[in-house]
Amino acid sequence: MRSESEVREQYEFLAEQLESEEMRHERIRMMFTYYKRALGWVLEEEHI
């Protein structure tokens, strides 16, 4: 299991990537959005 700081770091990295101009391709954006959402759920479950 990854530590909270590792998961949070990946989440923040994905958030930045989704905002970049290079992420215009819709399928790539969709994939990263789902991955980001999954990481968000992991972070929420850790704090419940």
C-alpha atoms as a PDB file:
ATOM      1  CA  MET A   1       0.000   0.000   0.000  1.00  0.00           C
ATOM      2  CA  ARG A   2       1.285   3.434  -0.848  1.00  0.00           C
ATOM      3  CA  SER A   3       1.719   6.083   1.779  1.00  0.00           C
ATOM      4  CA  GLU A   4      -0.672   9.017   1.909  1.00  0.00           C
ATOM      5  CA  SER A   5       2.061  11.424   0.796  1.00  0.00           C
ATOM      6  CA  GLU A   6       2.796   9.301  -2.306  1.00  0.00           C
ATOM      7  CA  VAL A   7      -0.886   9.134  -3.241  1.00  0.00           C
ATOM      8  CA  ARG A   8      -1.345  12.860  -2.633  1.00  0.00           C
ATOM      9  CA  GLU A   9       1.732  13.626  -4.746  1.00  0.00           C
ATOM     10  CA  GLN A  10       0.362  11.552  -7.634  1.00  0.00           C
ATOM     11  CA  TYR A  11      -3.039  13.224  -7.303  1.00  0.00           C
ATOM     12  CA  GLU A  12      -1.489  16.689  -7.483  1.00  0.00           C
ATOM     13  CA  PHE A  13       0.673  15.648 -10.450  1.00  0.00           C
ATOM     14  CA  LEU A  14      -2.391  14.401 -12.344  1.00  0.00           C
ATOM     15  CA  ALA A  15      -4.306  17.579 -11.546  1.00  0.00           C
ATOM     16  CA  GLU A  16      -1.464  19.626 -13.048  1.00  0.00           C
ATOM     17  CA  GLN A  17      -1.271  17.361 -16.100  1.00  0.00           C
ATOM     18  CA  LEU A  18      -5.006  17.706 -16.774  1.00  0.00           C
ATOM     19  CA  GLU A  19      -4.598  21.488 -16.847  1.00  0.00           C
ATOM     20  CA  SER A  20      -1.715  21.431 -19.344  1.00  0.00           C
ATOM     21  CA  GLU A  21      -2.175  22.245 -23.008  1.00  0.00           C
ATOM     22  CA  GLU A  22      -0.673  18.904 -24.014  1.00  0.00           C
ATOM     23  CA  MET A  23      -3.683  17.042 -22.616  1.00  0.00           C
ATOM     24  CA  ARG A  24      -6.112  18.098 -25.292  1.00  0.00           C
ATOM     25  CA  HIS A  25      -6.818  14.608 -26.627  1.00  0.00           C
ATOM     26  CA  GLU A  26     -10.200  13.667 -25.151  1.00  0.00           C
ATOM     27  CA  ARG A  27      -9.492   9.988 -24.431  1.00  0.00           C
ATOM     28  CA  ILE A  28      -6.284  10.861 -22.567  1.00  0.00           C
ATOM     29  CA  ARG A  29      -8.151  13.495 -20.540  1.00  0.00           C
ATOM     30  CA  MET A  30     -10.877  10.979 -19.725  1.00  0.00           C
ATOM     31  CA  MET A  31      -8.364   8.328 -18.610  1.00  0.00           C
ATOM     32  CA  PHE A  32      -6.511  10.771 -16.351  1.00  0.00           C
ATOM     33  CA  THR A  33      -9.798  12.110 -14.970  1.00  0.00           C
ATOM     34  CA  TYR A  34     -10.874   8.604 -13.935  1.00  0.00           C
ATOM     35  CA  TYR A  35      -7.465   7.879 -12.419  1.00  0.00           C
ATOM     36  CA  LYS A  36      -7.520  11.181 -10.545  1.00  0.00           C
ATOM     37  CA  ARG A  37     -11.008  10.403  -9.235  1.00  0.00           C
ATOM     38  CA  ALA A  38      -9.886   6.949  -8.055  1.00  0.00           C
ATOM     39  CA  LEU A  39      -6.923   8.467  -6.207  1.00  0.00           C
ATOM     40  CA  GLY A  40      -9.300  10.967  -4.612  1.00  0.00           C
ATOM     41  CA  TRP A  41     -11.465   8.102  -3.339  1.00  0.00           C
ATOM     42  CA  VAL A  42      -8.393   6.415  -1.864  1.00  0.00           C
ATOM     43  CA  LEU A  43      -7.493   9.623  -0.033  1.00  0.00           C
ATOM     44  CA  GLU A  44     -11.056  10.009   1.272  1.00  0.00           C
ATOM     45  CA  GLU A  45     -11.237   6.422   2.530  1.00  0.00           C
ATOM     46  CA  GLU A  46      -7.976   6.890   4.418  1.00  0.00           C
ATOM     47  CA  HIS A  47      -9.554   9.730   6.398  1.00  0.00           C
ATOM     48  CA  ILE A  48     -12.985   8.224   7.120  1.00  0.00           C
END
